[in-house]
């Protein structure tokens, strides 16, 4: 039909090259030929190139397509009742599916499937149930928080190294009568950067702290160079308690270790303690430091800014994870958050597992998010 219409146009004096006809055929494949307006504009957009040809196109269109539509059979619509069955992969597997199918008779059935895992990835931590927290633990163990490696003081064999390896060279010379024909070299190796996690467990973080504690446990149990601290009214180190592979045992020990759970928060004072006892003295030097907090601080913002500056000066990367950032219209107006933000390399969301995956990309050096 499209080719025949193109011949009508050519016979009427309108140029319709082969490329335009092919485009018209593709357009009809998208819009169909049932609607007059759709066919008209599909042909006009592909076959008409000059404004003076529009009148010629209209006459040819009316003469060809009007007679053709009279020959087309009338399309009737019929209402069809469809039964929808939703299968969430957690249904019964006891063989009773045949009975349910027989009861439905000849009615057509559409089965819709959804992934509970995908829903859980994007669900807000604040709305998690206890069962969902346990399920999220398995997803968090699959995350890998590996940052850019750092140079090690230990040397390793390297063919293109800069330092001669005298011991390996002498060992190789034994095969050539003592002549050091083959020379060996060494180069400093790489090692994982330390990851330091500082989790805010104050009252304002209560909806998120339980889920984030499971995330911290997954990070500690999955890597060797991870340190974990709880920030509340005081600083509590809980790395040893979270080293257990059993998540329930690790979380119980960590909860017993932290005595100021869901209390107040003094982020600046806690960071001062961390910098004085661990951070500046070596733990944070060249490390990736992640603060998981909503930024609400009862202490002096000047103290928080000073300690964040000290921490930023010695660390390789400083990341602040705020679960409230996803809120529409959010702005870091809290005094603590505003004081810390100038010394933060990456400011990311932390309300869901998907946000934690984004955090893993930031730690890996995929990008800096402000």
Protein backbone atom coordinates (compact mmCIF):
# COMPACT_ATOMS: atom_id res chain seq x y z
CA UNK A 1 0.00 0.00 0.00
CA UNK A 2 2.80 2.41 0.84
CA UNK A 3 4.56 1.67 -2.48
CA UNK A 4 1.31 2.07 -4.40
CA UNK A 5 0.65 5.41 -2.71
CA UNK A 6 4.17 6.54 -3.62
CA UNK A 7 3.45 5.69 -7.27
CA UNK A 8 0.26 7.78 -7.11
CA UNK A 9 2.27 10.71 -5.79
CA UNK A 10 4.88 10.36 -8.52
CA UNK A 11 2.18 10.19 -11.15
CA UNK A 12 0.71 13.41 -9.78
CA UNK A 13 4.07 15.14 -10.08
CA UNK A 14 5.33 14.94 -6.48
CA UNK A 15 8.88 13.62 -6.09
CA UNK A 16 9.03 10.62 -3.72
CA UNK A 17 12.53 9.14 -3.61
CA UNK A 18 13.16 5.61 -2.45
CA UNK A 19 14.55 6.72 0.93
CA UNK A 20 11.37 8.66 1.69
CA UNK A 21 9.21 5.67 0.75
CA UNK A 22 11.21 3.40 3.06
CA UNK A 23 10.81 5.93 5.90
CA UNK A 24 7.06 6.01 5.19
CA UNK A 25 6.88 2.22 5.43
CA UNK A 26 8.70 2.27 8.77
CA UNK A 27 6.35 4.98 10.05
CA UNK A 28 3.28 2.94 9.08
CA UNK A 29 4.78 0.00 10.95
CA UNK A 30 4.78 2.11 14.08
CA UNK A 31 1.39 3.87 13.83
CA UNK A 32 -0.61 1.34 11.79
CA UNK A 33 -3.20 2.16 9.10
CA UNK A 34 -6.39 2.23 11.17
CA UNK A 35 -6.26 5.88 12.17
CA UNK A 36 -6.63 8.40 9.33
CA UNK A 37 -4.74 11.18 11.09
CA UNK A 38 -1.80 8.92 11.96
CA UNK A 39 -1.40 7.76 8.37
CA UNK A 40 -1.78 11.30 7.04
CA UNK A 41 0.93 12.80 9.22
CA UNK A 42 3.22 9.80 8.75
CA UNK A 43 3.12 10.35 4.99
CA UNK A 44 3.33 14.11 5.18
CA UNK A 45 6.38 13.96 7.49
CA UNK A 46 8.26 11.51 5.26
CA UNK A 47 7.09 12.15 1.68
CA UNK A 48 6.50 15.92 1.51
CA UNK A 49 9.59 18.09 1.34
CA UNK A 50 8.34 21.42 -0.04
CA UNK A 51 5.42 23.49 1.30
CA UNK A 52 3.99 23.94 -2.22
CA UNK A 53 3.53 20.15 -2.48
CA UNK A 54 1.13 19.95 0.48
CA UNK A 55 -1.98 20.64 -1.62
CA UNK A 56 -0.95 17.98 -4.14
CA UNK A 57 -0.30 15.51 -1.30
CA UNK A 58 -3.74 16.21 0.22
CA UNK A 59 -5.58 15.47 -3.06
CA UNK A 60 -3.62 12.26 -3.65
CA UNK A 61 -4.11 11.16 -0.02
CA UNK A 62 -7.88 11.70 -0.17
CA UNK A 63 -8.20 9.86 -3.47
CA UNK A 64 -6.11 6.86 -2.47
CA UNK A 65 -6.65 6.23 1.23
CA UNK A 66 -10.38 7.05 1.40
CA UNK A 67 -11.24 4.33 -1.09
CA UNK A 68 -8.82 1.92 0.62
CA UNK A 69 -10.35 2.38 4.07
CA UNK A 70 -13.79 1.54 2.68
CA UNK A 71 -12.43 -1.87 1.69
CA UNK A 72 -10.88 -2.60 5.10
CA UNK A 73 -12.96 -4.81 7.44
CA UNK A 74 -14.56 -3.11 10.40
CA UNK A 75 -12.57 -3.68 13.58
CA UNK A 76 -14.72 -4.65 16.53
CA UNK A 77 -13.61 -4.61 20.12
CA UNK A 78 -14.48 -7.32 22.59
CA UNK A 79 -14.15 -7.07 26.33
CA UNK A 80 -12.01 -9.81 27.80
CA UNK A 81 -11.83 -10.58 31.49
CA UNK A 82 -8.32 -11.46 32.66
CA UNK A 83 -7.37 -12.84 36.04
CA UNK A 84 -4.06 -11.54 37.38
CA UNK A 85 -1.97 -13.77 39.61
CA UNK A 86 1.03 -12.22 41.32
CA UNK A 87 3.91 -14.56 42.09
CA UNK A 88 6.57 -13.17 44.40
CA UNK A 89 8.72 -16.33 44.38
CA UNK A 90 7.64 -17.05 47.96
CA UNK A 91 4.46 -18.96 47.18
CA UNK A 92 3.65 -22.53 48.11
CA UNK A 93 5.54 -25.26 46.28
CA UNK A 94 3.44 -28.12 47.58
CA UNK A 95 1.99 -29.06 44.19
CA UNK A 96 -1.38 -27.31 44.61
CA UNK A 97 -0.90 -25.10 41.55
CA UNK A 98 -2.84 -27.52 39.37
CA UNK A 99 -5.90 -27.24 41.58
CA UNK A 100 -5.91 -23.45 41.37
CA UNK A 101 -5.56 -23.64 37.60
CA UNK A 102 -8.46 -26.05 37.30
CA UNK A 103 -10.70 -23.79 39.37
CA UNK A 104 -10.05 -20.87 37.08
CA UNK A 105 -11.58 -22.72 34.15
CA UNK A 106 -10.81 -21.31 30.72
CA UNK A 107 -10.16 -17.77 31.96
CA UNK A 108 -6.84 -16.41 30.73
CA UNK A 109 -4.30 -15.78 33.46
CA UNK A 110 -1.29 -13.46 33.50
CA UNK A 111 1.43 -14.17 36.06
CA UNK A 112 3.32 -11.13 37.32
CA UNK A 113 6.64 -11.63 39.04
CA UNK A 114 8.63 -9.15 41.09
CA UNK A 115 11.97 -9.40 42.79
CA UNK A 116 11.84 -8.96 46.56
CA UNK A 117 15.59 -8.43 46.52
CA UNK A 118 15.33 -5.51 44.10
CA UNK A 119 12.58 -3.92 46.22
CA UNK A 120 14.73 -4.32 49.33
CA UNK A 121 17.73 -2.66 47.62
CA UNK A 122 15.85 0.59 47.15
CA UNK A 123 13.76 0.54 50.32
CA UNK A 124 14.53 3.12 52.99
CA UNK A 125 16.33 1.71 56.04
CA UNK A 126 13.90 3.56 58.32
CA UNK A 127 11.01 1.38 57.08
CA UNK A 128 12.77 -1.97 57.47
CA UNK A 129 11.17 -4.72 59.51
CA UNK A 130 13.33 -7.06 61.63
CA UNK A 131 13.07 -9.77 58.98
CA UNK A 132 14.10 -7.32 56.27
CA UNK A 133 17.12 -6.29 58.35
CA UNK A 134 18.27 -9.90 58.42
CA UNK A 135 17.72 -10.23 54.68
CA UNK A 136 19.63 -7.01 54.08
CA UNK A 137 22.58 -8.45 55.96
CA UNK A 138 23.11 -10.99 53.17
CA UNK A 139 23.03 -8.26 50.53
CA UNK A 140 25.49 -6.11 52.44
CA UNK A 141 28.02 -8.94 52.68
CA UNK A 142 28.21 -8.87 48.88
CA UNK A 143 29.47 -5.28 48.86
CA UNK A 144 33.20 -4.78 48.41
CA UNK A 145 34.75 -1.59 49.79
CA UNK A 146 38.19 -1.52 48.20
CA UNK A 147 39.83 1.83 47.64
CA UNK A 148 42.84 2.73 45.52
CA UNK A 149 45.92 0.84 46.80
CA UNK A 150 48.80 2.56 48.52
CA UNK A 151 52.52 2.04 48.19
CA UNK A 152 54.01 -0.44 50.65
CA UNK A 153 57.46 -0.29 52.22
CA UNK A 154 57.91 -3.96 51.42
CA UNK A 155 59.70 -4.72 48.18
CA UNK A 156 58.54 -7.31 45.65
CA UNK A 157 60.26 -8.78 42.57
CA UNK A 158 59.60 -6.72 39.47
CA UNK A 159 61.16 -7.13 36.03
CA UNK A 160 60.99 -3.39 35.45
CA UNK A 161 61.89 -2.33 38.97
CA UNK A 162 64.40 0.35 39.86
CA UNK A 163 66.20 -1.26 42.79
CA UNK A 164 68.55 -4.18 42.16
CA UNK A 165 67.71 -7.42 43.93
CA UNK A 166 71.19 -8.61 44.91
CA UNK A 167 70.05 -11.85 46.56
CA UNK A 168 68.00 -12.97 43.55
CA UNK A 169 70.76 -11.89 41.17
CA UNK A 170 73.38 -13.97 43.03
CA UNK A 171 71.00 -16.93 43.14
CA UNK A 172 70.49 -16.70 39.38
CA UNK A 173 74.26 -16.45 38.77
CA UNK A 174 74.77 -19.97 40.17
CA UNK A 175 73.23 -21.33 36.98
CA UNK A 176 75.78 -19.48 34.82
CA UNK A 177 79.00 -20.32 36.67
CA UNK A 178 78.86 -17.32 38.98
CA UNK A 179 78.44 -14.74 36.21
CA UNK A 180 75.54 -12.31 36.98
CA UNK A 181 74.16 -12.45 33.47
CA UNK A 182 70.54 -12.26 34.61
CA UNK A 183 69.90 -9.23 36.78
CA UNK A 184 66.89 -9.09 39.08
CA UNK A 185 65.08 -6.02 40.32
CA UNK A 186 62.66 -5.08 43.05
CA UNK A 187 59.90 -2.51 43.38
CA UNK A 188 57.71 -1.38 46.30
CA UNK A 189 54.46 -3.36 46.36
CA UNK A 190 50.88 -2.23 46.92
CA UNK A 191 48.63 -2.80 49.90
CA UNK A 192 45.02 -2.09 50.77
CA UNK A 193 44.25 1.26 52.33
CA UNK A 194 42.78 1.15 55.80
CA UNK A 195 39.04 1.85 55.97
CA UNK A 196 37.79 3.66 59.09
CA UNK A 197 34.04 3.72 59.77
CA UNK A 198 32.58 6.17 62.29
CA UNK A 199 28.91 5.37 62.97
CA UNK A 200 26.61 7.89 64.65
CA UNK A 201 24.36 5.95 67.08
CA UNK A 202 22.55 8.96 68.59
CA UNK A 203 18.80 9.30 69.00
CA UNK A 204 18.33 11.20 65.72
CA UNK A 205 19.98 8.32 63.85
CA UNK A 206 17.84 5.63 65.51
CA UNK A 207 15.81 4.80 62.34
CA UNK A 208 19.03 4.15 60.39
CA UNK A 209 21.66 3.15 62.93
CA UNK A 210 20.50 -0.48 63.27
CA UNK A 211 20.73 -1.09 59.52
CA UNK A 212 24.00 0.82 59.23
CA UNK A 213 25.48 -1.24 62.05
CA UNK A 214 24.85 -4.33 59.93
CA UNK A 215 26.59 -2.59 57.06
CA UNK A 216 29.58 -1.80 59.31
CA UNK A 217 29.73 -5.44 60.41
CA UNK A 218 29.71 -6.60 56.78
CA UNK A 219 32.63 -4.29 56.03
CA UNK A 220 34.64 -5.33 59.09
CA UNK A 221 34.12 -9.06 58.58
CA UNK A 222 34.87 -8.85 54.85
CA UNK A 223 38.21 -7.02 55.01
CA UNK A 224 41.32 -7.17 57.16
CA UNK A 225 42.15 -3.45 57.41
CA UNK A 226 38.87 -2.00 58.71
CA UNK A 227 38.35 -0.11 61.96
CA UNK A 228 34.87 0.66 63.35
CA UNK A 229 33.86 3.22 65.97
CA UNK A 230 30.53 4.34 67.44
CA UNK A 231 29.88 8.07 67.89
CA UNK A 232 27.45 9.21 70.58
CA UNK A 233 28.09 11.12 73.75
CA UNK A 234 31.49 9.41 73.68
CA UNK A 235 33.63 7.45 71.25
CA UNK A 236 33.55 3.64 71.43
CA UNK A 237 35.80 1.33 69.44
CA UNK A 238 33.93 -1.82 68.36
CA UNK A 239 36.22 -3.41 65.76
CA UNK A 240 36.95 -6.48 67.87
CA UNK A 241 33.28 -7.12 68.60
CA UNK A 242 32.34 -6.97 64.90
CA UNK A 243 35.03 -9.35 63.68
CA UNK A 244 32.83 -12.39 64.22
CA UNK A 245 31.42 -13.99 61.06
CA UNK A 246 28.15 -14.63 62.89
CA UNK A 247 26.16 -11.40 62.40
CA UNK A 248 23.81 -11.97 65.34
CA UNK A 249 26.70 -12.64 67.72
CA UNK A 250 28.69 -9.67 66.39
CA UNK A 251 25.76 -7.26 66.69
CA UNK A 252 24.98 -8.46 70.20
CA UNK A 253 28.57 -7.92 71.31
CA UNK A 254 28.68 -4.49 69.68
CA UNK A 255 25.41 -3.45 71.35
CA UNK A 256 26.76 -4.56 74.73
CA UNK A 257 29.96 -2.65 74.07
CA UNK A 258 28.19 0.65 73.23
CA UNK A 259 26.51 2.08 76.35
CA UNK A 260 25.19 5.36 74.91
CA UNK A 261 22.96 3.93 72.21
CA UNK A 262 20.15 6.29 71.07
CA UNK A 263 21.37 9.04 73.36
CA UNK A 264 22.83 12.43 72.59
CA UNK A 265 25.62 13.14 70.18
CA UNK A 266 28.81 15.19 70.39
CA UNK A 267 30.46 14.53 67.06
CA UNK A 268 33.15 17.16 67.50
CA UNK A 269 34.30 15.83 70.89
CA UNK A 270 34.24 12.23 69.61
CA UNK A 271 36.34 13.19 66.60
CA UNK A 272 38.77 14.97 68.92
CA UNK A 273 39.16 11.75 70.90
CA UNK A 274 39.62 9.74 67.72
CA UNK A 275 42.23 12.12 66.31
CA UNK A 276 44.19 12.32 69.55
CA UNK A 277 44.22 8.60 70.39
CA UNK A 278 44.10 6.87 67.00
CA UNK A 279 43.59 8.98 63.87
CA UNK A 280 46.43 11.50 63.72
CA UNK A 281 48.76 9.06 65.46
CA UNK A 282 48.56 6.67 62.51
CA UNK A 283 45.19 4.98 62.01
CA UNK A 284 43.77 7.66 59.71
CA UNK A 285 46.98 8.50 57.87
CA UNK A 286 46.49 7.58 54.24
CA UNK A 287 43.20 5.88 55.12
CA UNK A 288 39.67 6.25 53.79
CA UNK A 289 37.52 7.66 56.61
CA UNK A 290 33.74 7.28 56.36
CA UNK A 291 31.43 9.14 58.77
CA UNK A 292 27.88 7.79 58.86
CA UNK A 293 25.78 10.51 60.47
CA UNK A 294 22.88 12.88 59.85
CA UNK A 295 25.03 15.79 61.04
CA UNK A 296 22.91 16.74 64.07
CA UNK A 297 25.38 17.70 66.78
CA UNK A 298 24.77 19.13 70.24
CA UNK A 299 28.35 20.26 70.61
CA UNK A 300 30.19 23.33 69.41
CA UNK A 301 30.29 23.51 65.57
CA UNK A 302 33.71 25.16 65.75
CA UNK A 303 35.12 22.06 67.47
CA UNK A 304 33.62 19.81 64.80
CA UNK A 305 35.07 21.95 62.01
CA UNK A 306 38.51 21.94 63.65
CA UNK A 307 38.55 18.16 64.09
CA UNK A 308 37.27 17.52 60.57
CA UNK A 309 40.07 19.70 59.26
CA UNK A 310 42.63 17.67 61.22
CA UNK A 311 41.10 14.43 59.94
CA UNK A 312 40.98 15.65 56.36
CA UNK A 313 44.61 16.72 56.51
CA UNK A 314 45.95 13.22 57.29
CA UNK A 315 43.44 10.94 55.54
CA UNK A 316 43.47 9.92 51.89
CA UNK A 317 39.73 10.44 51.43
CA UNK A 318 36.99 11.68 53.77
CA UNK A 319 33.45 10.55 53.02
CA UNK A 320 30.29 11.65 54.82
CA UNK A 321 27.23 9.39 54.49
CA UNK A 322 23.99 11.16 55.39
CA UNK A 323 20.71 9.19 55.18
CA UNK A 324 18.71 12.43 55.08
CA UNK A 325 20.30 13.64 51.84
CA UNK A 326 17.73 11.72 49.78
CA UNK A 327 14.91 13.85 51.22
CA UNK A 328 13.47 16.18 48.55
CA UNK A 329 14.65 19.74 49.12
CA UNK A 330 17.32 18.68 51.60
CA UNK A 331 20.03 21.22 52.36
CA UNK A 332 22.89 20.79 54.88
CA UNK A 333 21.54 23.44 57.24
CA UNK A 334 22.25 21.62 60.50
CA UNK A 335 25.09 23.34 62.33
CA UNK A 336 27.21 20.23 62.56
CA UNK A 337 26.72 19.23 58.93
CA UNK A 338 27.41 22.75 57.69
CA UNK A 339 30.60 22.94 59.76
CA UNK A 340 31.92 19.57 58.53
CA UNK A 341 31.03 19.80 54.85
CA UNK A 342 33.97 22.00 53.75
CA UNK A 343 36.36 19.23 54.83
CA UNK A 344 34.47 16.36 53.17
CA UNK A 345 35.66 14.93 49.85
CA UNK A 346 32.45 13.04 49.08
CA UNK A 347 28.96 13.69 50.45
CA UNK A 348 26.68 10.74 49.61
CA UNK A 349 23.32 9.29 50.54
CA UNK A 350 22.98 6.42 52.99
CA UNK A 351 19.30 5.49 53.24
CA UNK A 352 19.29 2.17 51.33
CA UNK A 353 21.40 -0.70 50.07
CA UNK A 354 21.51 0.94 46.65
CA UNK A 355 23.03 4.00 48.33
CA UNK A 356 25.62 1.76 49.97
CA UNK A 357 26.53 0.42 46.54
CA UNK A 358 27.05 3.99 45.40
CA UNK A 359 29.26 4.48 48.46
CA UNK A 360 31.36 1.49 47.36
CA UNK A 361 31.91 3.17 43.99
CA UNK A 362 32.93 6.42 45.66
CA UNK A 363 35.42 4.58 47.89
CA UNK A 364 36.83 2.80 44.86
CA UNK A 365 37.60 6.18 43.34
CA UNK A 366 34.83 6.10 40.73
CA UNK A 367 33.99 9.73 41.43
CA UNK A 368 33.50 12.48 43.99
CA UNK A 369 29.93 13.41 44.90
CA UNK A 370 29.09 16.73 46.47
